[in-house]
Amino acid sequence: MSVHTVSADRPADLLKSSSTVVWLFLIVATVVSWALGTDHGGIENHTAASLIILAVAFVKIRFIGLYFMELKDAPLVLRAIIEAYCLVVFCVVTGFYLAG
């Protein structure tokens, strides 16, 4: 496995790194989840807000796996496993939530 290093001569160089962009996305996604979970998101339907929070959580799991566990450069089978895992577990958790 290769290690990717980011050489940042200037702070603006950090924005060229996909890891930095994904990290910023994860921060925004966390704030969105917090806002929806504390009734600051403006959605009156709690079921819809909960489903959005679940979807955001699984998108975050996927991005962490792909970019910080370096599965985006992994063999296709391994990448397919993480993609399928995220999709199947999201569907199961959503199904349990809606059924309960």
PDB file of N, CA and C in Angstrom:
ATOM      1  N   MET A   1       0.841  -1.164   0.000  1.00  0.00           N
ATOM      2  CA  MET A   1       0.000   0.000   0.000  1.00  0.00           C
ATOM      3  C   MET A   1       0.892   1.234   0.000  1.00  0.00           C
ATOM      4  N   SER A   2       0.556   2.213  -0.762  1.00  0.00           N
ATOM      5  CA  SER A   2       1.358   3.422  -0.826  1.00  0.00           C
ATOM      6  C   SER A   2       0.806   4.465   0.136  1.00  0.00           C
ATOM      7  N   VAL A   3       1.701   5.250   0.664  1.00  0.00           N
ATOM      8  CA  VAL A   3       1.316   6.321   1.572  1.00  0.00           C
ATOM      9  C   VAL A   3       1.347   7.618   0.787  1.00  0.00           C
ATOM     10  N   HIS A   4       0.234   8.345   0.832  1.00  0.00           N
ATOM     11  CA  HIS A   4       0.137   9.614   0.126  1.00  0.00           C
ATOM     12  C   HIS A   4       0.463  10.732   1.090  1.00  0.00           C
ATOM     13  N   THR A   5       1.453  11.517   0.749  1.00  0.00           N
ATOM     14  CA  THR A   5       1.787  12.654   1.581  1.00  0.00           C
ATOM     15  C   THR A   5       1.408  13.922   0.839  1.00  0.00           C
ATOM     16  N   VAL A   6       1.037  14.902   1.604  1.00  0.00           N
ATOM     17  CA  VAL A   6       0.650  16.180   1.033  1.00  0.00           C
ATOM     18  C   VAL A   6       1.721  17.188   1.420  1.00  0.00           C
ATOM     19  N   SER A   7       2.370  17.751   0.417  1.00  0.00           N
ATOM     20  CA  SER A   7       3.333  18.803   0.720  1.00  0.00           C
ATOM     21  C   SER A   7       2.615  20.138   0.581  1.00  0.00           C
ATOM     22  N   ALA A   8       2.579  20.851   1.670  1.00  0.00           N
ATOM     23  CA  ALA A   8       1.854  22.116   1.683  1.00  0.00           C
ATOM     24  C   ALA A   8       2.845  23.246   1.913  1.00  0.00           C
ATOM     25  N   ASP A   9       3.252  23.883   0.832  1.00  0.00           N
ATOM     26  CA  ASP A   9       4.127  25.034   0.959  1.00  0.00           C
ATOM     27  C   ASP A   9       3.340  26.247   1.424  1.00  0.00           C
ATOM     28  N   ARG A  10       2.078  26.293   1.021  1.00  0.00           N
ATOM     29  CA  ARG A  10       1.191  27.395   1.405  1.00  0.00           C
ATOM     30  C   ARG A  10      -0.108  26.790   1.921  1.00  0.00           C
ATOM     31  N   PRO A  11      -0.835  27.501   2.767  1.00  0.00           N
ATOM     32  CA  PRO A  11      -2.122  26.974   3.241  1.00  0.00           C
ATOM     33  C   PRO A  11      -3.091  26.666   2.103  1.00  0.00           C
ATOM     34  N   ALA A  12      -3.022  27.405   1.009  1.00  0.00           N
ATOM     35  CA  ALA A  12      -3.921  27.160  -0.120  1.00  0.00           C
ATOM     36  C   ALA A  12      -3.649  25.812  -0.768  1.00  0.00           C
ATOM     37  N   ASP A  13      -2.428  25.292  -0.609  1.00  0.00           N
ATOM     38  CA  ASP A  13      -2.089  23.990  -1.185  1.00  0.00           C
ATOM     39  C   ASP A  13      -2.863  22.856  -0.518  1.00  0.00           C
ATOM     40  N   LEU A  14      -3.255  23.058   0.741  1.00  0.00           N
ATOM     41  CA  LEU A  14      -4.017  22.025   1.438  1.00  0.00           C
ATOM     42  C   LEU A  14      -5.372  21.779   0.790  1.00  0.00           C
ATOM     43  N   LEU A  15      -5.953  22.811   0.192  1.00  0.00           N
ATOM     44  CA  LEU A  15      -7.257  22.649  -0.446  1.00  0.00           C
ATOM     45  C   LEU A  15      -7.169  21.814  -1.716  1.00  0.00           C
ATOM     46  N   LYS A  16      -5.980  21.621  -2.227  1.00  0.00           N
ATOM     47  CA  LYS A  16      -5.807  20.786  -3.414  1.00  0.00           C
ATOM     48  C   LYS A  16      -5.839  19.305  -3.061  1.00  0.00           C
ATOM     49  N   SER A  17      -5.727  18.993  -1.795  1.00  0.00           N
ATOM     50  CA  SER A  17      -5.745  17.607  -1.335  1.00  0.00           C
ATOM     51  C   SER A  17      -7.190  17.129  -1.210  1.00  0.00           C
ATOM     52  N   SER A  18      -7.467  15.950  -1.745  1.00  0.00           N
ATOM     53  CA  SER A  18      -8.829  15.415  -1.635  1.00  0.00           C
ATOM     54  C   SER A  18      -9.173  15.108  -0.184  1.00  0.00           C
ATOM     55  N   SER A  19      -8.180  14.749   0.613  1.00  0.00           N
ATOM     56  CA  SER A  19      -8.440  14.463   2.029  1.00  0.00           C
ATOM     57  C   SER A  19      -8.940  15.702   2.763  1.00  0.00           C
ATOM     58  N   THR A  20      -8.391  16.853   2.429  1.00  0.00           N
ATOM     59  CA  THR A  20      -8.831  18.096   3.072  1.00  0.00           C
ATOM     60  C   THR A  20     -10.257  18.432   2.681  1.00  0.00           C
ATOM     61  N   VAL A  21     -10.574  18.259   1.416  1.00  0.00           N
ATOM     62  CA  VAL A  21     -11.930  18.550   0.943  1.00  0.00           C
ATOM     63  C   VAL A  21     -12.928  17.595   1.598  1.00  0.00           C
ATOM     64  N   VAL A  22     -12.563  16.315   1.688  1.00  0.00           N
ATOM     65  CA  VAL A  22     -13.445  15.338   2.339  1.00  0.00           C
ATOM     66  C   VAL A  22     -13.592  15.666   3.810  1.00  0.00           C
ATOM     67  N   TRP A  23     -12.511  16.074   4.468  1.00  0.00           N
ATOM     68  CA  TRP A  23     -12.575  16.443   5.876  1.00  0.00           C
ATOM     69  C   TRP A  23     -13.525  17.618   6.079  1.00  0.00           C
ATOM     70  N   LEU A  24     -13.446  18.618   5.222  1.00  0.00           N
ATOM     71  CA  LEU A  24     -14.365  19.756   5.313  1.00  0.00           C
ATOM     72  C   LEU A  24     -15.810  19.320   5.083  1.00  0.00           C
ATOM     73  N   PHE A  25     -16.024  18.410   4.125  1.00  0.00           N
ATOM     74  CA  PHE A  25     -17.362  17.864   3.895  1.00  0.00           C
ATOM     75  C   PHE A  25     -17.873  17.148   5.142  1.00  0.00           C
ATOM     76  N   LEU A  26     -17.015  16.374   5.799  1.00  0.00           N
ATOM     77  CA  LEU A  26     -17.423  15.659   7.007  1.00  0.00           C
ATOM     78  C   LEU A  26     -17.822  16.627   8.120  1.00  0.00           C
ATOM     79  N   ILE A  27     -17.124  17.730   8.219  1.00  0.00           N
ATOM     80  CA  ILE A  27     -17.482  18.745   9.221  1.00  0.00           C
ATOM     81  C   ILE A  27     -18.855  19.331   8.905  1.00  0.00           C
ATOM     82  N   VAL A  28     -19.082  19.691   7.648  1.00  0.00           N
ATOM     83  CA  VAL A  28     -20.375  20.257   7.251  1.00  0.00           C
ATOM     84  C   VAL A  28     -21.485  19.228   7.475  1.00  0.00           C
ATOM     85  N   ALA A  29     -21.240  17.975   7.125  1.00  0.00           N
ATOM     86  CA  ALA A  29     -22.245  16.923   7.319  1.00  0.00           C
ATOM     87  C   ALA A  29     -22.560  16.729   8.797  1.00  0.00           C
ATOM     88  N   THR A  30     -21.558  16.850   9.652  1.00  0.00           N
ATOM     89  CA  THR A  30     -21.788  16.735  11.095  1.00  0.00           C
ATOM     90  C   THR A  30     -22.647  17.881  11.603  1.00  0.00           C
ATOM     91  N   VAL A  31     -22.384  19.079  11.122  1.00  0.00           N
ATOM     92  CA  VAL A  31     -23.182  20.239  11.529  1.00  0.00           C
ATOM     93  C   VAL A  31     -24.629  20.085  11.047  1.00  0.00           C
ATOM     94  N   VAL A  32     -24.809  19.597   9.820  1.00  0.00           N
ATOM     95  CA  VAL A  32     -26.158  19.368   9.290  1.00  0.00           C
ATOM     96  C   VAL A  32     -26.891  18.345  10.152  1.00  0.00           C
ATOM     97  N   SER A  33     -26.215  17.252  10.503  1.00  0.00           N
ATOM     98  CA  SER A  33     -26.840  16.227  11.350  1.00  0.00           C
ATOM     99  C   SER A  33     -27.210  16.789  12.711  1.00  0.00           C
ATOM    100  N   TRP A  34     -26.307  17.572  13.287  1.00  0.00           N
ATOM    101  CA  TRP A  34     -26.589  18.179  14.587  1.00  0.00           C
ATOM    102  C   TRP A  34     -27.797  19.113  14.491  1.00  0.00           C
ATOM    103  N   ALA A  35     -27.840  19.927  13.437  1.00  0.00           N
ATOM    104  CA  ALA A  35     -28.944  20.871  13.285  1.00  0.00           C
ATOM    105  C   ALA A  35     -30.276  20.135  13.140  1.00  0.00           C
ATOM    106  N   LEU A  36     -30.286  19.079  12.372  1.00  0.00           N
ATOM    107  CA  LEU A  36     -31.529  18.312  12.209  1.00  0.00           C
ATOM    108  C   LEU A  36     -31.909  17.588  13.492  1.00  0.00           C
ATOM    109  N   GLY A  37     -30.917  17.111  14.226  1.00  0.00           N
ATOM    110  CA  GLY A  37     -31.190  16.351  15.447  1.00  0.00           C
ATOM    111  C   GLY A  37     -31.617  17.204  16.616  1.00  0.00           C
ATOM    112  N   THR A  38     -31.357  18.499  16.561  1.00  0.00           N
ATOM    113  CA  THR A  38     -31.727  19.381  17.672  1.00  0.00           C
ATOM    114  C   THR A  38     -32.862  20.329  17.289  1.00  0.00           C
ATOM    115  N   ASP A  39     -33.606  19.971  16.265  1.00  0.00           N
ATOM    116  CA  ASP A  39     -34.750  20.755  15.794  1.00  0.00           C
ATOM    117  C   ASP A  39     -34.383  22.136  15.272  1.00  0.00           C
ATOM    118  N   HIS A  40     -33.128  22.331  14.905  1.00  0.00           N
ATOM    119  CA  HIS A  40     -32.730  23.597  14.313  1.00  0.00           C
ATOM    120  C   HIS A  40     -32.729  23.526  12.791  1.00  0.00           C
ATOM    121  N   GLY A  41     -33.021  22.367  12.251  1.00  0.00           N
ATOM    122  CA  GLY A  41     -32.966  22.177  10.813  1.00  0.00           C
ATOM    123  C   GLY A  41     -34.202  22.632  10.078  1.00  0.00           C
ATOM    124  N   GLY A  42     -35.273  22.920  10.796  1.00  0.00           N
ATOM    125  CA  GLY A  42     -36.481  23.421  10.164  1.00  0.00           C
ATOM    126  C   GLY A  42     -37.399  22.349   9.616  1.00  0.00           C
ATOM    127  N   ILE A  43     -37.107  21.081   9.868  1.00  0.00           N
ATOM    128  CA  ILE A  43     -37.979  20.001   9.389  1.00  0.00           C
ATOM    129  C   ILE A  43     -38.882  19.584  10.546  1.00  0.00           C
ATOM    130  N   GLU A  44     -40.171  19.735  10.336  1.00  0.00           N
ATOM    131  CA  GLU A  44     -41.134  19.396  11.392  1.00  0.00           C
ATOM    132  C   GLU A  44     -41.376  17.892  11.490  1.00  0.00           C
ATOM    133  N   ASN A  45     -41.205  17.186  10.388  1.00  0.00           N
ATOM    134  CA  ASN A  45     -41.420  15.742  10.363  1.00  0.00           C
ATOM    135  C   ASN A  45     -40.181  15.052  10.932  1.00  0.00           C
ATOM    136  N   HIS A  46     -40.316  14.494  12.133  1.00  0.00           N
ATOM    137  CA  HIS A  46     -39.177  13.882  12.800  1.00  0.00           C
ATOM    138  C   HIS A  46     -38.700  12.619  12.093  1.00  0.00           C
ATOM    139  N   THR A  47     -39.600  11.905  11.445  1.00  0.00           N
ATOM    140  CA  THR A  47     -39.194  10.713  10.704  1.00  0.00           C
ATOM    141  C   THR A  47     -38.294  11.092   9.534  1.00  0.00           C
ATOM    142  N   ALA A  48     -38.665  12.118   8.802  1.00  0.00           N
ATOM    143  CA  ALA A  48     -37.837  12.564   7.677  1.00  0.00           C
ATOM    144  C   ALA A  48     -36.485  13.054   8.168  1.00  0.00           C
ATOM    145  N   ALA A  49     -36.468  13.811   9.257  1.00  0.00           N
ATOM    146  CA  ALA A  49     -35.202  14.301   9.802  1.00  0.00           C
ATOM    147  C   ALA A  49     -34.313  13.142  10.238  1.00  0.00           C
ATOM    148  N   SER A  50     -34.905  12.145  10.862  1.00  0.00           N
ATOM    149  CA  SER A  50     -34.132  10.978  11.299  1.00  0.00           C
ATOM    150  C   SER A  50     -33.557  10.212  10.118  1.00  0.00           C
ATOM    151  N   LEU A  51     -34.334  10.066   9.058  1.00  0.00           N
ATOM    152  CA  LEU A  51     -33.840   9.361   7.875  1.00  0.00           C
ATOM    153  C   LEU A  51     -32.719  10.136   7.184  1.00  0.00           C
ATOM    154  N   ILE A  52     -32.822  11.445   7.180  1.00  0.00           N
ATOM    155  CA  ILE A  52     -31.753  12.265   6.605  1.00  0.00           C
ATOM    156  C   ILE A  52     -30.486  12.123   7.443  1.00  0.00           C
ATOM    157  N   ILE A  53     -30.635  12.127   8.756  1.00  0.00           N
ATOM    158  CA  ILE A  53     -29.476  11.957   9.640  1.00  0.00           C
ATOM    159  C   ILE A  53     -28.823  10.601   9.414  1.00  0.00           C
ATOM    160  N   LEU A  54     -29.628   9.553   9.272  1.00  0.00           N
ATOM    161  CA  LEU A  54     -29.079   8.225   8.984  1.00  0.00           C
ATOM    162  C   LEU A  54     -28.345   8.204   7.646  1.00  0.00           C
ATOM    163  N   ALA A  55     -28.923   8.818   6.632  1.00  0.00           N
ATOM    164  CA  ALA A  55     -28.282   8.851   5.313  1.00  0.00           C
ATOM    165  C   ALA A  55     -26.952   9.602   5.379  1.00  0.00           C
ATOM    166  N   VAL A  56     -26.941  10.724   6.080  1.00  0.00           N
ATOM    167  CA  VAL A  56     -25.701  11.495   6.230  1.00  0.00           C
ATOM    168  C   VAL A  56     -24.652  10.668   6.964  1.00  0.00           C
ATOM    169  N   ALA A  57     -25.065   9.935   7.987  1.00  0.00           N
ATOM    170  CA  ALA A  57     -24.120   9.106   8.744  1.00  0.00           C
ATOM    171  C   ALA A  57     -23.479   8.047   7.850  1.00  0.00           C
ATOM    172  N   PHE A  58     -24.272   7.413   7.009  1.00  0.00           N
ATOM    173  CA  PHE A  58     -23.701   6.371   6.158  1.00  0.00           C
ATOM    174  C   PHE A  58     -22.874   6.935   5.011  1.00  0.00           C
ATOM    175  N   VAL A  59     -23.199   8.128   4.553  1.00  0.00           N
ATOM    176  CA  VAL A  59     -22.343   8.793   3.563  1.00  0.00           C
ATOM    177  C   VAL A  59     -20.999   9.127   4.211  1.00  0.00           C
ATOM    178  N   LYS A  60     -21.035   9.571   5.471  1.00  0.00           N
ATOM    179  CA  LYS A  60     -19.802   9.857   6.184  1.00  0.00           C
ATOM    180  C   LYS A  60     -18.967   8.588   6.366  1.00  0.00           C
ATOM    181  N   ILE A  61     -19.611   7.478   6.712  1.00  0.00           N
ATOM    182  CA  ILE A  61     -18.899   6.201   6.851  1.00  0.00           C
ATOM    183  C   ILE A  61     -18.219   5.838   5.538  1.00  0.00           C
ATOM    184  N   ARG A  62     -18.929   6.014   4.437  1.00  0.00           N
ATOM    185  CA  ARG A  62     -18.385   5.685   3.121  1.00  0.00           C
ATOM    186  C   ARG A  62     -17.170   6.546   2.802  1.00  0.00           C
ATOM    187  N   PHE A  63     -17.270   7.850   3.039  1.00  0.00           N
ATOM    188  CA  PHE A  63     -16.143   8.734   2.752  1.00  0.00           C
ATOM    189  C   PHE A  63     -14.939   8.442   3.647  1.00  0.00           C
ATOM    190  N   ILE A  64     -15.185   8.131   4.906  1.00  0.00           N
ATOM    191  CA  ILE A  64     -14.075   7.781   5.798  1.00  0.00           C
ATOM    192  C   ILE A  64     -13.386   6.519   5.303  1.00  0.00           C
ATOM    193  N   GLY A  65     -14.165   5.531   4.907  1.00  0.00           N
ATOM    194  CA  GLY A  65     -13.585   4.299   4.377  1.00  0.00           C
ATOM    195  C   GLY A  65     -12.796   4.531   3.105  1.00  0.00           C
ATOM    196  N   LEU A  66     -13.343   5.317   2.198  1.00  0.00           N
ATOM    197  CA  LEU A  66     -12.692   5.523   0.907  1.00  0.00           C
ATOM    198  C   LEU A  66     -11.460   6.413   1.003  1.00  0.00           C
ATOM    199  N   TYR A  67     -11.532   7.491   1.768  1.00  0.00           N
ATOM    200  CA  TYR A  67     -10.454   8.476   1.734  1.00  0.00           C
ATOM    201  C   TYR A  67      -9.468   8.372   2.887  1.00  0.00           C
ATOM    202  N   PHE A  68      -9.913   7.974   4.064  1.00  0.00           N
ATOM    203  CA  PHE A  68      -8.995   7.933   5.194  1.00  0.00           C
ATOM    204  C   PHE A  68      -8.513   6.524   5.495  1.00  0.00           C
ATOM    205  N   MET A  69      -9.218   5.512   5.011  1.00  0.00           N
ATOM    206  CA  MET A  69      -8.736   4.134   5.103  1.00  0.00           C
ATOM    207  C   MET A  69      -8.176   3.699   3.750  1.00  0.00           C
ATOM    208  N   GLU A  70      -8.129   4.636   2.804  1.00  0.00           N
ATOM    209  CA  GLU A  70      -7.548   4.465   1.475  1.00  0.00           C
ATOM    210  C   GLU A  70      -8.161   3.318   0.679  1.00  0.00           C
ATOM    211  N   LEU A  71      -9.457   3.087   0.851  1.00  0.00           N
ATOM    212  CA  LEU A  71     -10.117   2.036   0.084  1.00  0.00           C
ATOM    213  C   LEU A  71     -10.445   2.468  -1.334  1.00  0.00           C
ATOM    214  N   LYS A  72     -10.326   3.759  -1.636  1.00  0.00           N
ATOM    215  CA  LYS A  72     -10.579   4.203  -3.007  1.00  0.00           C
ATOM    216  C   LYS A  72      -9.502   3.699  -3.956  1.00  0.00           C
ATOM    217  N   ASP A  73      -8.315   3.398  -3.425  1.00  0.00           N
ATOM    218  CA  ASP A  73      -7.223   2.863  -4.232  1.00  0.00           C
ATOM    219  C   ASP A  73      -7.074   1.356  -4.067  1.00  0.00           C
ATOM    220  N   ALA A  74      -7.972   0.740  -3.317  1.00  0.00           N
ATOM    221  CA  ALA A  74      -7.904  -0.695  -3.060  1.00  0.00           C
ATOM    222  C   ALA A  74      -8.398  -1.470  -4.285  1.00  0.00           C
ATOM    223  N   PRO A  75      -8.127  -2.771  -4.312  1.00  0.00           N
ATOM    224  CA  PRO A  75      -8.671  -3.587  -5.401  1.00  0.00           C
ATOM    225  C   PRO A  75     -10.195  -3.490  -5.455  1.00  0.00           C
ATOM    226  N   LEU A  76     -10.733  -3.704  -6.635  1.00  0.00           N
ATOM    227  CA  LEU A  76     -12.163  -3.528  -6.872  1.00  0.00           C
ATOM    228  C   LEU A  76     -13.017  -4.353  -5.914  1.00  0.00           C
ATOM    229  N   VAL A  77     -12.602  -5.567  -5.607  1.00  0.00           N
ATOM    230  CA  VAL A  77     -13.392  -6.428  -4.719  1.00  0.00           C
ATOM    231  C   VAL A  77     -13.500  -5.814  -3.326  1.00  0.00           C
ATOM    232  N   LEU A  78     -12.387  -5.303  -2.814  1.00  0.00           N
ATOM    233  CA  LEU A  78     -12.409  -4.708  -1.492  1.00  0.00           C
ATOM    234  C   LEU A  78     -13.244  -3.436  -1.464  1.00  0.00           C
ATOM    235  N   ARG A  79     -13.133  -2.639  -2.507  1.00  0.00           N
ATOM    236  CA  ARG A  79     -13.944  -1.428  -2.584  1.00  0.00           C
ATOM    237  C   ARG A  79     -15.422  -1.783  -2.705  1.00  0.00           C
ATOM    238  N   ALA A  80     -15.745  -2.809  -3.469  1.00  0.00           N
ATOM    239  CA  ALA A  80     -17.139  -3.240  -3.608  1.00  0.00           C
ATOM    240  C   ALA A  80     -17.700  -3.706  -2.266  1.00  0.00           C
ATOM    241  N   ILE A  81     -16.858  -4.312  -1.447  1.00  0.00           N
ATOM    242  CA  ILE A  81     -17.313  -4.781  -0.135  1.00  0.00           C
ATOM    243  C   ILE A  81     -17.715  -3.597   0.741  1.00  0.00           C
ATOM    244  N   ILE A  82     -16.905  -2.543   0.786  1.00  0.00           N
ATOM    245  CA  ILE A  82     -17.255  -1.384   1.622  1.00  0.00           C
ATOM    246  C   ILE A  82     -18.484  -0.671   1.076  1.00  0.00           C
ATOM    247  N   GLU A  83     -18.593  -0.581  -0.241  1.00  0.00           N
ATOM    248  CA  GLU A  83     -19.766   0.058  -0.850  1.00  0.00           C
ATOM    249  C   GLU A  83     -21.032  -0.748  -0.533  1.00  0.00           C
ATOM    250  N   ALA A  84     -20.944  -2.065  -0.690  1.00  0.00           N
ATOM    251  CA  ALA A  84     -22.106  -2.921  -0.408  1.00  0.00           C
ATOM    252  C   ALA A  84     -22.448  -2.887   1.076  1.00  0.00           C
ATOM    253  N   TYR A  85     -21.430  -2.885   1.926  1.00  0.00           N
ATOM    254  CA  TYR A  85     -21.655  -2.828   3.364  1.00  0.00           C
ATOM    255  C   TYR A  85     -22.444  -1.577   3.729  1.00  0.00           C
ATOM    256  N   CYS A  86     -22.012  -0.441   3.231  1.00  0.00           N
ATOM    257  CA  CYS A  86     -22.699   0.812   3.545  1.00  0.00           C
ATOM    258  C   CYS A  86     -24.146   0.782   3.064  1.00  0.00           C
ATOM    259  N   LEU A  87     -24.357   0.295   1.856  1.00  0.00           N
ATOM    260  CA  LEU A  87     -25.706   0.254   1.301  1.00  0.00           C
ATOM    261  C   LEU A  87     -26.607  -0.720   2.061  1.00  0.00           C
ATOM    262  N   VAL A  88     -26.123  -1.934   2.312  1.00  0.00           N
ATOM    263  CA  VAL A  88     -26.942  -2.952   2.973  1.00  0.00           C
ATOM    264  C   VAL A  88     -27.260  -2.548   4.410  1.00  0.00           C
ATOM    265  N   VAL A  89     -26.259  -2.090   5.148  1.00  0.00           N
ATOM    266  CA  VAL A  89     -26.503  -1.721   6.546  1.00  0.00           C
ATOM    267  C   VAL A  89     -27.419  -0.509   6.620  1.00  0.00           C
ATOM    268  N   PHE A  90     -27.245   0.460   5.711  1.00  0.00           N
ATOM    269  CA  PHE A  90     -28.155   1.600   5.686  1.00  0.00           C
ATOM    270  C   PHE A  90     -29.593   1.143   5.449  1.00  0.00           C
ATOM    271  N   CYS A  91     -29.793   0.252   4.489  1.00  0.00           N
ATOM    272  CA  CYS A  91     -31.147  -0.244   4.198  1.00  0.00           C
ATOM    273  C   CYS A  91     -31.732  -1.009   5.378  1.00  0.00           C
ATOM    274  N   VAL A  92     -30.930  -1.828   6.036  1.00  0.00           N
ATOM    275  CA  VAL A  92     -31.416  -2.605   7.187  1.00  0.00           C
ATOM    276  C   VAL A  92     -31.775  -1.668   8.348  1.00  0.00           C
ATOM    277  N   VAL A  93     -30.893  -0.716   8.656  1.00  0.00           N
ATOM    278  CA  VAL A  93     -31.154   0.204   9.767  1.00  0.00           C
ATOM    279  C   VAL A  93     -32.395   1.067   9.455  1.00  0.00           C
ATOM    280  N   THR A  94     -32.496   1.522   8.215  1.00  0.00           N
ATOM    281  CA  THR A  94     -33.664   2.315   7.820  1.00  0.00           C
ATOM    282  C   THR A  94     -34.942   1.487   7.916  1.00  0.00           C
ATOM    283  N   GLY A  95     -34.875   0.250   7.469  1.00  0.00           N
ATOM    284  CA  GLY A  95     -36.034  -0.643   7.564  1.00  0.00           C
ATOM    285  C   GLY A  95     -36.460  -0.873   9.005  1.00  0.00           C
ATOM    286  N   PHE A  96     -35.481  -1.126   9.882  1.00  0.00           N
ATOM    287  CA  PHE A  96     -35.794  -1.314  11.297  1.00  0.00           C
ATOM    288  C   PHE A  96     -36.404  -0.039  11.891  1.00  0.00           C
ATOM    289  N   TYR A  97     -35.863   1.110  11.527  1.00  0.00           N
ATOM    290  CA  TYR A  97     -36.393   2.367  12.053  1.00  0.00           C
ATOM    291  C   TYR A  97     -37.834   2.579  11.611  1.00  0.00           C
ATOM    292  N   LEU A  98     -38.106   2.357  10.331  1.00  0.00           N
ATOM    293  CA  LEU A  98     -39.453   2.566   9.809  1.00  0.00           C
ATOM    294  C   LEU A  98     -40.440   1.523  10.342  1.00  0.00           C
ATOM    295  N   ALA A  99     -39.968   0.313  10.609  1.00  0.00           N
ATOM    296  CA  ALA A  99     -40.858  -0.741  11.103  1.00  0.00           C
ATOM    297  C   ALA A  99     -41.168  -0.564  12.588  1.00  0.00           C
ATOM    298  N   GLY A 100     -40.253   0.069  13.300  1.00  0.00           N
ATOM    299  CA  GLY A 100     -40.406   0.182  14.760  1.00  0.00           C
ATOM    300  C   GLY A 100     -41.191   1.350  15.149  1.00  0.00           C
TER     301      GLY A 100
END
